[in-house]
C-alpha cells in the first residue's frame, strides 16, 4: 500500500525560490501525486508556482500559475519551484503518496 508523506517547507527570506526537484523527480513517471498548501505572509500574499514535468496521468506540463495564501495546488513530478512576490514570504505544506520505493524523499 502507498505511504503518505507530509511536511512543511518554511522560508526565511522574502521573495525567495524553493522546491528544487529531488533526483528521482528528474526521471519523470506517471502516477506521482503531490499537493502544496501555500502559507504566504507579507506583501500582497501572492506568488507563482512553476511546473515542468508530468502530471499523474503522464501528460506533460511546462507552465507557471499564480498562487495565493491558503490555497492548494497540485504539482507535477519534475521541476516545481515556487516563489513569492516581492516582500512576500512563501511557506507551504506538501503531501504526496509514495507508490514506488524510489520515490521516498525522507
PDB file of N, CA and C in Angstrom:
ATOM      1  N   UNK A   1       0.846  -1.189   0.000  1.00  0.00           N
ATOM      2  CA  UNK A   1       0.000   0.000   0.000  1.00  0.00           C
ATOM      3  C   UNK A   1       0.884   1.242   0.000  1.00  0.00           C
ATOM      4  N   UNK A   2       0.469   2.282  -0.701  1.00  0.00           N
ATOM      5  CA  UNK A   2       1.264   3.513  -0.722  1.00  0.00           C
ATOM      6  C   UNK A   2       1.349   4.149   0.665  1.00  0.00           C
ATOM      7  N   UNK A   3       2.475   4.778   0.922  1.00  0.00           N
ATOM      8  CA  UNK A   3       2.675   5.539   2.157  1.00  0.00           C
ATOM      9  C   UNK A   3       2.448   7.010   1.843  1.00  0.00           C
ATOM     10  N   UNK A   4       1.883   7.744   2.785  1.00  0.00           N
ATOM     11  CA  UNK A   4       1.707   9.184   2.615  1.00  0.00           C
ATOM     12  C   UNK A   4       2.823   9.906   3.351  1.00  0.00           C
ATOM     13  N   UNK A   5       3.386  10.913   2.707  1.00  0.00           N
ATOM     14  CA  UNK A   5       4.402  11.753   3.332  1.00  0.00           C
ATOM     15  C   UNK A   5       3.866  13.177   3.391  1.00  0.00           C
ATOM     16  N   UNK A   6       4.078  13.819   4.531  1.00  0.00           N
ATOM     17  CA  UNK A   6       3.586  15.161   4.762  1.00  0.00           C
ATOM     18  C   UNK A   6       4.699  15.956   5.417  1.00  0.00           C
ATOM     19  N   UNK A   7       4.886  17.189   4.985  1.00  0.00           N
ATOM     20  CA  UNK A   7       5.912  18.033   5.578  1.00  0.00           C
ATOM     21  C   UNK A   7       5.600  19.495   5.341  1.00  0.00           C
ATOM     22  N   UNK A   8       6.472  20.338   5.878  1.00  0.00           N
ATOM     23  CA  UNK A   8       6.326  21.773   5.664  1.00  0.00           C
ATOM     24  C   UNK A   8       7.672  22.340   5.261  1.00  0.00           C
ATOM     25  N   UNK A   9       7.647  23.236   4.308  1.00  0.00           N
ATOM     26  CA  UNK A   9       8.838  23.980   3.909  1.00  0.00           C
ATOM     27  C   UNK A   9       8.603  25.415   4.351  1.00  0.00           C
ATOM     28  N   UNK A  10       9.448  25.884   5.264  1.00  0.00           N
ATOM     29  CA  UNK A  10       9.316  27.228   5.833  1.00  0.00           C
ATOM     30  C   UNK A  10      10.436  28.096   5.294  1.00  0.00           C
ATOM     31  N   UNK A  11      10.082  29.170   4.620  1.00  0.00           N
ATOM     32  CA  UNK A  11      11.068  30.096   4.072  1.00  0.00           C
ATOM     33  C   UNK A  11      11.484  31.112   5.122  1.00  0.00           C
ATOM     34  N   UNK A  12      12.743  31.529   5.036  1.00  0.00           N
ATOM     35  CA  UNK A  12      13.256  32.549   5.953  1.00  0.00           C
ATOM     36  C   UNK A  12      13.391  33.906   5.273  1.00  0.00           C
ATOM     37  N   UNK A  13      13.417  33.937   3.952  1.00  0.00           N
ATOM     38  CA  UNK A  13      13.619  35.193   3.236  1.00  0.00           C
ATOM     39  C   UNK A  13      12.391  35.613   2.457  1.00  0.00           C
ATOM     40  N   UNK A  14      12.392  36.866   2.030  1.00  0.00           N
ATOM     41  CA  UNK A  14      11.286  37.406   1.246  1.00  0.00           C
ATOM     42  C   UNK A  14      11.554  37.202  -0.236  1.00  0.00           C
ATOM     43  N   UNK A  15      10.548  36.815  -0.983  1.00  0.00           N
ATOM     44  CA  UNK A  15      10.672  36.666  -2.429  1.00  0.00           C
ATOM     45  C   UNK A  15      11.697  35.634  -2.859  1.00  0.00           C
ATOM     46  N   UNK A  16      11.868  34.567  -2.080  1.00  0.00           N
ATOM     47  CA  UNK A  16      12.875  33.548  -2.402  1.00  0.00           C
ATOM     48  C   UNK A  16      12.242  32.335  -3.063  1.00  0.00           C
ATOM     49  N   UNK A  17      13.069  31.598  -3.793  1.00  0.00           N
ATOM     50  CA  UNK A  17      12.631  30.397  -4.513  1.00  0.00           C
ATOM     51  C   UNK A  17      12.770  29.170  -3.630  1.00  0.00           C
ATOM     52  N   UNK A  18      11.971  28.156  -3.931  1.00  0.00           N
ATOM     53  CA  UNK A  18      12.037  26.894  -3.203  1.00  0.00           C
ATOM     54  C   UNK A  18      11.644  25.739  -4.107  1.00  0.00           C
ATOM     55  N   UNK A  19      11.895  24.541  -3.599  1.00  0.00           N
ATOM     56  CA  UNK A  19      11.405  23.288  -4.159  1.00  0.00           C
ATOM     57  C   UNK A  19      12.115  22.836  -5.424  1.00  0.00           C
ATOM     58  N   UNK A  20      13.435  22.747  -5.353  1.00  0.00           N
ATOM     59  CA  UNK A  20      14.170  22.127  -6.452  1.00  0.00           C
ATOM     60  C   UNK A  20      13.843  20.640  -6.453  1.00  0.00           C
ATOM     61  N   UNK A  21      13.889  19.990  -7.603  1.00  0.00           N
ATOM     62  CA  UNK A  21      13.487  18.582  -7.663  1.00  0.00           C
ATOM     63  C   UNK A  21      14.497  17.655  -6.985  1.00  0.00           C
ATOM     64  N   UNK A  22      13.973  16.591  -6.414  1.00  0.00           N
ATOM     65  CA  UNK A  22      14.817  15.514  -5.914  1.00  0.00           C
ATOM     66  C   UNK A  22      15.300  14.718  -7.121  1.00  0.00           C
ATOM     67  N   UNK A  23      16.384  13.998  -6.975  1.00  0.00           N
ATOM     68  CA  UNK A  23      16.964  13.261  -8.108  1.00  0.00           C
ATOM     69  C   UNK A  23      15.937  12.381  -8.812  1.00  0.00           C
ATOM     70  N   UNK A  24      15.104  11.662  -8.047  1.00  0.00           N
ATOM     71  CA  UNK A  24      14.156  10.747  -8.689  1.00  0.00           C
ATOM     72  C   UNK A  24      13.116  11.494  -9.514  1.00  0.00           C
ATOM     73  N   UNK A  25      12.843  12.751  -9.192  1.00  0.00           N
ATOM     74  CA  UNK A  25      11.827  13.506  -9.924  1.00  0.00           C
ATOM     75  C   UNK A  25      12.306  13.963 -11.299  1.00  0.00           C
ATOM     76  N   UNK A  26      13.600  13.908 -11.550  1.00  0.00           N
ATOM     77  CA  UNK A  26      14.128  14.305 -12.857  1.00  0.00           C
ATOM     78  C   UNK A  26      13.877  13.229 -13.904  1.00  0.00           C
ATOM     79  N   UNK A  27      13.660  11.996 -13.472  1.00  0.00           N
ATOM     80  CA  UNK A  27      13.274  10.893 -14.362  1.00  0.00           C
ATOM     81  C   UNK A  27      11.775  10.694 -14.167  1.00  0.00           C
ATOM     82  N   UNK A  28      10.990  11.475 -14.867  1.00  0.00           N
ATOM     83  CA  UNK A  28       9.554  11.529 -14.606  1.00  0.00           C
ATOM     84  C   UNK A  28       8.834  10.234 -14.957  1.00  0.00           C
ATOM     85  N   UNK A  29       7.819   9.936 -14.151  1.00  0.00           N
ATOM     86  CA  UNK A  29       6.990   8.744 -14.319  1.00  0.00           C
ATOM     87  C   UNK A  29       5.538   9.121 -14.034  1.00  0.00           C
ATOM     88  N   UNK A  30       4.586   8.385 -14.589  1.00  0.00           N
ATOM     89  CA  UNK A  30       3.182   8.650 -14.255  1.00  0.00           C
ATOM     90  C   UNK A  30       2.859   8.186 -12.834  1.00  0.00           C
ATOM     91  N   UNK A  31       1.718   8.584 -12.344  1.00  0.00           N
ATOM     92  CA  UNK A  31       1.140   8.181 -11.057  1.00  0.00           C
ATOM     93  C   UNK A  31       1.674   8.934  -9.845  1.00  0.00           C
ATOM     94  N   UNK A  32       2.639   9.839 -10.009  1.00  0.00           N
ATOM     95  CA  UNK A  32       3.123  10.631  -8.881  1.00  0.00           C
ATOM     96  C   UNK A  32       2.112  11.738  -8.600  1.00  0.00           C
ATOM     97  N   UNK A  33       1.682  11.858  -7.351  1.00  0.00           N
ATOM     98  CA  UNK A  33       0.693  12.857  -6.963  1.00  0.00           C
ATOM     99  C   UNK A  33       1.220  13.642  -5.769  1.00  0.00           C
ATOM    100  N   UNK A  34       1.321  14.960  -5.926  1.00  0.00           N
ATOM    101  CA  UNK A  34       1.770  15.823  -4.834  1.00  0.00           C
ATOM    102  C   UNK A  34       0.921  17.088  -4.818  1.00  0.00           C
ATOM    103  N   UNK A  35       0.641  17.566  -3.607  1.00  0.00           N
ATOM    104  CA  UNK A  35      -0.172  18.762  -3.421  1.00  0.00           C
ATOM    105  C   UNK A  35       0.575  19.710  -2.482  1.00  0.00           C
ATOM    106  N   UNK A  36       0.533  21.005  -2.795  1.00  0.00           N
ATOM    107  CA  UNK A  36       1.060  22.055  -1.923  1.00  0.00           C
ATOM    108  C   UNK A  36      -0.120  22.863  -1.378  1.00  0.00           C
ATOM    109  N   UNK A  37      -0.019  23.248  -0.096  1.00  0.00           N
ATOM    110  CA  UNK A  37      -0.947  24.206   0.518  1.00  0.00           C
ATOM    111  C   UNK A  37      -0.092  25.391   0.932  1.00  0.00           C
ATOM    112  N   UNK A  38      -0.334  26.540   0.322  1.00  0.00           N
ATOM    113  CA  UNK A  38       0.535  27.701   0.478  1.00  0.00           C
ATOM    114  C   UNK A  38       0.158  28.537   1.694  1.00  0.00           C
ATOM    115  N   UNK A  39       1.195  28.970   2.410  1.00  0.00           N
ATOM    116  CA  UNK A  39       1.062  29.868   3.552  1.00  0.00           C
ATOM    117  C   UNK A  39       1.958  31.068   3.249  1.00  0.00           C
ATOM    118  N   UNK A  40       1.360  32.169   2.844  1.00  0.00           N
ATOM    119  CA  UNK A  40       2.127  33.325   2.379  1.00  0.00           C
ATOM    120  C   UNK A  40       1.910  34.487   3.346  1.00  0.00           C
ATOM    121  N   UNK A  41       3.027  35.047   3.816  1.00  0.00           N
ATOM    122  CA  UNK A  41       2.978  36.173   4.752  1.00  0.00           C
ATOM    123  C   UNK A  41       3.601  37.396   4.103  1.00  0.00           C
ATOM    124  N   UNK A  42       3.100  38.569   4.440  1.00  0.00           N
ATOM    125  CA  UNK A  42       3.684  39.823   3.977  1.00  0.00           C
ATOM    126  C   UNK A  42       3.309  40.170   2.549  1.00  0.00           C
ATOM    127  N   UNK A  43       3.551  41.418   2.216  1.00  0.00           N
ATOM    128  CA  UNK A  43       3.295  41.865   0.854  1.00  0.00           C
ATOM    129  C   UNK A  43       1.872  41.562   0.421  1.00  0.00           C
ATOM    130  N   UNK A  44       1.698  41.263  -0.849  1.00  0.00           N
ATOM    131  CA  UNK A  44       0.358  41.002  -1.383  1.00  0.00           C
ATOM    132  C   UNK A  44      -0.156  39.580  -1.120  1.00  0.00           C
ATOM    133  N   UNK A  45       0.654  38.753  -0.447  1.00  0.00           N
ATOM    134  CA  UNK A  45       0.289  37.362  -0.155  1.00  0.00           C
ATOM    135  C   UNK A  45       0.005  36.573  -1.434  1.00  0.00           C
ATOM    136  N   UNK A  46       0.871  36.803  -2.420  1.00  0.00           N
ATOM    137  CA  UNK A  46       0.761  36.086  -3.696  1.00  0.00           C
ATOM    138  C   UNK A  46       2.138  35.602  -4.114  1.00  0.00           C
ATOM    139  N   UNK A  47       2.132  34.647  -5.046  1.00  0.00           N
ATOM    140  CA  UNK A  47       3.376  34.135  -5.595  1.00  0.00           C
ATOM    141  C   UNK A  47       3.101  33.405  -6.890  1.00  0.00           C
ATOM    142  N   UNK A  48       4.108  32.633  -7.315  1.00  0.00           N
ATOM    143  CA  UNK A  48       3.996  31.889  -8.564  1.00  0.00           C
ATOM    144  C   UNK A  48       4.544  30.482  -8.387  1.00  0.00           C
ATOM    145  N   UNK A  49       3.832  29.529  -8.956  1.00  0.00           N
ATOM    146  CA  UNK A  49       4.243  28.126  -8.982  1.00  0.00           C
ATOM    147  C   UNK A  49       4.667  27.792 -10.401  1.00  0.00           C
ATOM    148  N   UNK A  50       5.855  27.224 -10.536  1.00  0.00           N
ATOM    149  CA  UNK A  50       6.347  26.760 -11.832  1.00  0.00           C
ATOM    150  C   UNK A  50       6.164  25.253 -11.870  1.00  0.00           C
ATOM    151  N   UNK A  51       5.784  24.721 -12.997  1.00  0.00           N
ATOM    152  CA  UNK A  51       5.663  23.275 -13.163  1.00  0.00           C
ATOM    153  C   UNK A  51       6.235  22.847 -14.496  1.00  0.00           C
ATOM    154  N   UNK A  52       7.216  21.954 -14.441  1.00  0.00           N
ATOM    155  CA  UNK A  52       7.813  21.425 -15.668  1.00  0.00           C
ATOM    156  C   UNK A  52       8.081  19.942 -15.429  1.00  0.00           C
ATOM    157  N   UNK A  53       7.332  19.097 -16.123  1.00  0.00           N
ATOM    158  CA  UNK A  53       7.467  17.658 -15.922  1.00  0.00           C
ATOM    159  C   UNK A  53       6.231  16.958 -16.427  1.00  0.00           C
ATOM    160  N   UNK A  54       5.694  16.044 -15.596  1.00  0.00           N
ATOM    161  CA  UNK A  54       4.481  15.325 -15.979  1.00  0.00           C
ATOM    162  C   UNK A  54       3.508  15.298 -14.805  1.00  0.00           C
ATOM    163  N   UNK A  55       2.213  15.365 -15.146  1.00  0.00           N
ATOM    164  CA  UNK A  55       1.159  15.179 -14.164  1.00  0.00           C
ATOM    165  C   UNK A  55       1.021  13.690 -13.874  1.00  0.00           C
ATOM    166  N   UNK A  56       0.182  13.334 -12.908  1.00  0.00           N
ATOM    167  CA  UNK A  56      -0.003  11.931 -12.515  1.00  0.00           C
ATOM    168  C   UNK A  56      -0.481  11.065 -13.677  1.00  0.00           C
ATOM    169  N   UNK A  57      -1.174  11.663 -14.662  1.00  0.00           N
ATOM    170  CA  UNK A  57      -1.667  10.890 -15.811  1.00  0.00           C
ATOM    171  C   UNK A  57      -0.652  10.831 -16.957  1.00  0.00           C
ATOM    172  N   UNK A  58       0.566  11.313 -16.697  1.00  0.00           N
ATOM    173  CA  UNK A  58       1.690  11.320 -17.636  1.00  0.00           C
ATOM    174  C   UNK A  58       1.566  12.394 -18.719  1.00  0.00           C
ATOM    175  N   UNK A  59       0.583  13.290 -18.609  1.00  0.00           N
ATOM    176  CA  UNK A  59       0.521  14.405 -19.558  1.00  0.00           C
ATOM    177  C   UNK A  59       1.589  15.430 -19.167  1.00  0.00           C
ATOM    178  N   UNK A  60       2.205  16.026 -20.161  1.00  0.00           N
ATOM    179  CA  UNK A  60       3.308  16.954 -19.921  1.00  0.00           C
ATOM    180  C   UNK A  60       2.799  18.318 -19.472  1.00  0.00           C
ATOM    181  N   UNK A  61       3.614  18.990 -18.678  1.00  0.00           N
ATOM    182  CA  UNK A  61       3.320  20.354 -18.241  1.00  0.00           C
ATOM    183  C   UNK A  61       4.608  21.164 -18.314  1.00  0.00           C
ATOM    184  N   UNK A  62       4.477  22.401 -18.733  1.00  0.00           N
ATOM    185  CA  UNK A  62       5.576  23.368 -18.743  1.00  0.00           C
ATOM    186  C   UNK A  62       4.921  24.738 -18.617  1.00  0.00           C
ATOM    187  N   UNK A  63       4.675  25.157 -17.378  1.00  0.00           N
ATOM    188  CA  UNK A  63       3.932  26.391 -17.198  1.00  0.00           C
ATOM    189  C   UNK A  63       4.177  27.050 -15.859  1.00  0.00           C
ATOM    190  N   UNK A  64       3.544  28.201 -15.696  1.00  0.00           N
ATOM    191  CA  UNK A  64       3.600  28.985 -14.466  1.00  0.00           C
ATOM    192  C   UNK A  64       2.175  29.412 -14.136  1.00  0.00           C
ATOM    193  N   UNK A  65       1.790  29.314 -12.869  1.00  0.00           N
ATOM    194  CA  UNK A  65       0.458  29.761 -12.485  1.00  0.00           C
ATOM    195  C   UNK A  65       0.543  30.532 -11.171  1.00  0.00           C
ATOM    196  N   UNK A  66      -0.360  31.509 -10.992  1.00  0.00           N
ATOM    197  CA  UNK A  66      -0.353  32.308  -9.766  1.00  0.00           C
ATOM    198  C   UNK A  66      -0.863  31.496  -8.580  1.00  0.00           C
ATOM    199  N   UNK A  67      -0.346  31.825  -7.411  1.00  0.00           N
ATOM    200  CA  UNK A  67      -0.796  31.193  -6.170  1.00  0.00           C
ATOM    201  C   UNK A  67      -1.157  32.288  -5.171  1.00  0.00           C
ATOM    202  N   UNK A  68      -2.005  31.947  -4.219  1.00  0.00           N
ATOM    203  CA  UNK A  68      -2.418  32.880  -3.173  1.00  0.00           C
ATOM    204  C   UNK A  68      -2.318  32.188  -1.825  1.00  0.00           C
ATOM    205  N   UNK A  69      -2.311  32.980  -0.776  1.00  0.00           N
ATOM    206  CA  UNK A  69      -2.278  32.476   0.589  1.00  0.00           C
ATOM    207  C   UNK A  69      -3.467  31.554   0.855  1.00  0.00           C
ATOM    208  N   UNK A  70      -3.181  30.457   1.528  1.00  0.00           N
ATOM    209  CA  UNK A  70      -4.193  29.481   1.962  1.00  0.00           C
ATOM    210  C   UNK A  70      -4.972  28.858   0.808  1.00  0.00           C
ATOM    211  N   UNK A  71      -4.247  28.538  -0.262  1.00  0.00           N
ATOM    212  CA  UNK A  71      -4.845  27.814  -1.386  1.00  0.00           C
ATOM    213  C   UNK A  71      -4.016  26.574  -1.674  1.00  0.00           C
ATOM    214  N   UNK A  72      -4.624  25.627  -2.380  1.00  0.00           N
ATOM    215  CA  UNK A  72      -3.983  24.378  -2.767  1.00  0.00           C
ATOM    216  C   UNK A  72      -3.599  24.405  -4.238  1.00  0.00           C
ATOM    217  N   UNK A  73      -2.587  23.603  -4.579  1.00  0.00           N
ATOM    218  CA  UNK A  73      -2.246  23.372  -5.983  1.00  0.00           C
ATOM    219  C   UNK A  73      -1.611  21.994  -6.098  1.00  0.00           C
ATOM    220  N   UNK A  74      -1.968  21.268  -7.136  1.00  0.00           N
ATOM    221  CA  UNK A  74      -1.218  20.057  -7.430  1.00  0.00           C
ATOM    222  C   UNK A  74       0.062  20.481  -8.130  1.00  0.00           C
ATOM    223  N   UNK A  75       1.116  19.701  -7.936  1.00  0.00           N
ATOM    224  CA  UNK A  75       2.389  19.991  -8.589  1.00  0.00           C
ATOM    225  C   UNK A  75       2.830  18.750  -9.351  1.00  0.00           C
ATOM    226  N   UNK A  76       3.502  18.935 -10.471  1.00  0.00           N
ATOM    227  CA  UNK A  76       3.904  17.790 -11.277  1.00  0.00           C
ATOM    228  C   UNK A  76       5.164  17.125 -10.746  1.00  0.00           C
ATOM    229  N   UNK A  77       5.385  15.902 -11.188  1.00  0.00           N
ATOM    230  CA  UNK A  77       6.670  15.260 -10.947  1.00  0.00           C
ATOM    231  C   UNK A  77       7.655  15.951 -11.874  1.00  0.00           C
ATOM    232  N   UNK A  78       8.774  16.362 -11.335  1.00  0.00           N
ATOM    233  CA  UNK A  78       9.766  17.089 -12.110  1.00  0.00           C
ATOM    234  C   UNK A  78      10.154  18.360 -11.390  1.00  0.00           C
ATOM    235  N   UNK A  79      10.301  19.419 -12.138  1.00  0.00           N
ATOM    236  CA  UNK A  79      10.746  20.709 -11.643  1.00  0.00           C
ATOM    237  C   UNK A  79       9.517  21.509 -11.221  1.00  0.00           C
ATOM    238  N   UNK A  80       9.441  21.886  -9.932  1.00  0.00           N
ATOM    239  CA  UNK A  80       8.266  22.629  -9.466  1.00  0.00           C
ATOM    240  C   UNK A  80       8.621  23.654  -8.385  1.00  0.00           C
ATOM    241  N   UNK A  81       9.481  24.628  -8.730  1.00  0.00           N
ATOM    242  CA  UNK A  81       9.815  25.661  -7.750  1.00  0.00           C
ATOM    243  C   UNK A  81       8.657  26.637  -7.542  1.00  0.00           C
ATOM    244  N   UNK A  82       8.676  27.285  -6.400  1.00  0.00           N
ATOM    245  CA  UNK A  82       7.656  28.273  -6.046  1.00  0.00           C
ATOM    246  C   UNK A  82       8.374  29.517  -5.533  1.00  0.00           C
ATOM    247  N   UNK A  83       7.806  30.691  -5.800  1.00  0.00           N
ATOM    248  CA  UNK A  83       8.409  31.949  -5.364  1.00  0.00           C
ATOM    249  C   UNK A  83       7.309  32.927  -4.972  1.00  0.00           C
ATOM    250  N   UNK A  84       7.614  33.771  -3.990  1.00  0.00           N
ATOM    251  CA  UNK A  84       6.682  34.817  -3.603  1.00  0.00           C
ATOM    252  C   UNK A  84       6.977  36.105  -4.338  1.00  0.00           C
ATOM    253  N   UNK A  85       5.952  36.947  -4.438  1.00  0.00           N
ATOM    254  CA  UNK A  85       6.170  38.285  -4.981  1.00  0.00           C
ATOM    255  C   UNK A  85       7.065  39.054  -4.008  1.00  0.00           C
ATOM    256  N   UNK A  86       7.634  40.201  -4.441  1.00  0.00           N
ATOM    257  CA  UNK A  86       8.477  40.986  -3.528  1.00  0.00           C
ATOM    258  C   UNK A  86       7.763  41.259  -2.201  1.00  0.00           C
ATOM    259  N   UNK A  87       8.504  41.145  -1.124  1.00  0.00           N
ATOM    260  CA  UNK A  87       8.029  41.384   0.243  1.00  0.00           C
ATOM    261  C   UNK A  87       7.098  40.287   0.749  1.00  0.00           C
ATOM    262  N   UNK A  88       7.001  39.168   0.038  1.00  0.00           N
ATOM    263  CA  UNK A  88       6.167  38.045   0.486  1.00  0.00           C
ATOM    264  C   UNK A  88       7.060  36.869   0.872  1.00  0.00           C
ATOM    265  N   UNK A  89       6.687  36.198   1.926  1.00  0.00           N
ATOM    266  CA  UNK A  89       7.396  35.018   2.404  1.00  0.00           C
ATOM    267  C   UNK A  89       6.488  33.817   2.165  1.00  0.00           C
ATOM    268  N   UNK A  90       6.915  32.906   1.273  1.00  0.00           N
ATOM    269  CA  UNK A  90       6.106  31.737   0.917  1.00  0.00           C
ATOM    270  C   UNK A  90       6.604  30.508   1.665  1.00  0.00           C
ATOM    271  N   UNK A  91       5.731  29.908   2.425  1.00  0.00           N
ATOM    272  CA  UNK A  91       5.967  28.590   3.002  1.00  0.00           C
ATOM    273  C   UNK A  91       4.838  27.709   2.492  1.00  0.00           C
ATOM    274  N   UNK A  92       5.001  26.402   2.607  1.00  0.00           N
ATOM    275  CA  UNK A  92       3.935  25.529   2.130  1.00  0.00           C
ATOM    276  C   UNK A  92       3.999  24.177   2.809  1.00  0.00           C
ATOM    277  N   UNK A  93       2.823  23.606   2.963  1.00  0.00           N
ATOM    278  CA  UNK A  93       2.691  22.233   3.435  1.00  0.00           C
ATOM    279  C   UNK A  93       2.594  21.372   2.188  1.00  0.00           C
ATOM    280  N   UNK A  94       3.347  20.292   2.149  1.00  0.00           N
ATOM    281  CA  UNK A  94       3.327  19.401   0.986  1.00  0.00           C
ATOM    282  C   UNK A  94       2.938  18.000   1.433  1.00  0.00           C
ATOM    283  N   UNK A  95       2.274  17.304   0.536  1.00  0.00           N
ATOM    284  CA  UNK A  95       1.877  15.924   0.803  1.00  0.00           C
ATOM    285  C   UNK A  95       1.928  15.148  -0.507  1.00  0.00           C
ATOM    286  N   UNK A  96       2.434  13.933  -0.435  1.00  0.00           N
ATOM    287  CA  UNK A  96       2.481  13.079  -1.626  1.00  0.00           C
ATOM    288  C   UNK A  96       2.395  11.618  -1.213  1.00  0.00           C
ATOM    289  N   UNK A  97       2.059  10.772  -2.161  1.00  0.00           N
ATOM    290  CA  UNK A  97       1.981   9.330  -1.937  1.00  0.00           C
ATOM    291  C   UNK A  97       3.240   8.662  -2.472  1.00  0.00           C
ATOM    292  N   UNK A  98       3.827   7.791  -1.648  1.00  0.00           N
ATOM    293  CA  UNK A  98       4.988   7.008  -2.070  1.00  0.00           C
ATOM    294  C   UNK A  98       4.453   5.697  -2.632  1.00  0.00           C
ATOM    295  N   UNK A  99       4.221   5.667  -3.933  1.00  0.00           N
ATOM    296  CA  UNK A  99       3.695   4.471  -4.583  1.00  0.00           C
ATOM    297  C   UNK A  99       4.806   3.551  -5.059  1.00  0.00           C
ATOM    298  N   UNK A 100       6.038   4.070  -5.118  1.00  0.00           N
ATOM    299  CA  UNK A 100       7.198   3.288  -5.546  1.00  0.00           C
ATOM    300  C   UNK A 100       8.332   3.577  -4.572  1.00  0.00           C
ATOM    301  N   UNK A 101       9.114   2.562  -4.173  1.00  0.00           N
ATOM    302  CA  UNK A 101      10.158   2.770  -3.169  1.00  0.00           C
ATOM    303  C   UNK A 101      11.144   3.886  -3.520  1.00  0.00           C
ATOM    304  N   UNK A 102      11.469   4.049  -4.791  1.00  0.00           N
ATOM    305  CA  UNK A 102      12.460   5.071  -5.157  1.00  0.00           C
ATOM    306  C   UNK A 102      11.882   6.491  -5.145  1.00  0.00           C
ATOM    307  N   UNK A 103      10.598   6.642  -4.808  1.00  0.00           N
ATOM    308  CA  UNK A 103      10.004   7.970  -4.671  1.00  0.00           C
ATOM    309  C   UNK A 103      10.157   8.516  -3.251  1.00  0.00           C
ATOM    310  N   UNK A 104      10.752   7.773  -2.371  1.00  0.00           N
ATOM    311  CA  UNK A 104      10.904   8.201  -0.983  1.00  0.00           C
ATOM    312  C   UNK A 104      11.846   9.400  -0.906  1.00  0.00           C
ATOM    313  N   UNK A 105      11.380  10.506  -0.331  1.00  0.00           N
ATOM    314  CA  UNK A 105      12.193  11.719  -0.181  1.00  0.00           C
ATOM    315  C   UNK A 105      12.798  11.833   1.208  1.00  0.00           C
ATOM    316  N   UNK A 106      12.105  11.268   2.206  1.00  0.00           N
ATOM    317  CA  UNK A 106      12.552  11.498   3.578  1.00  0.00           C
ATOM    318  C   UNK A 106      12.895  10.200   4.269  1.00  0.00           C
TER     319      UNK A 106
END
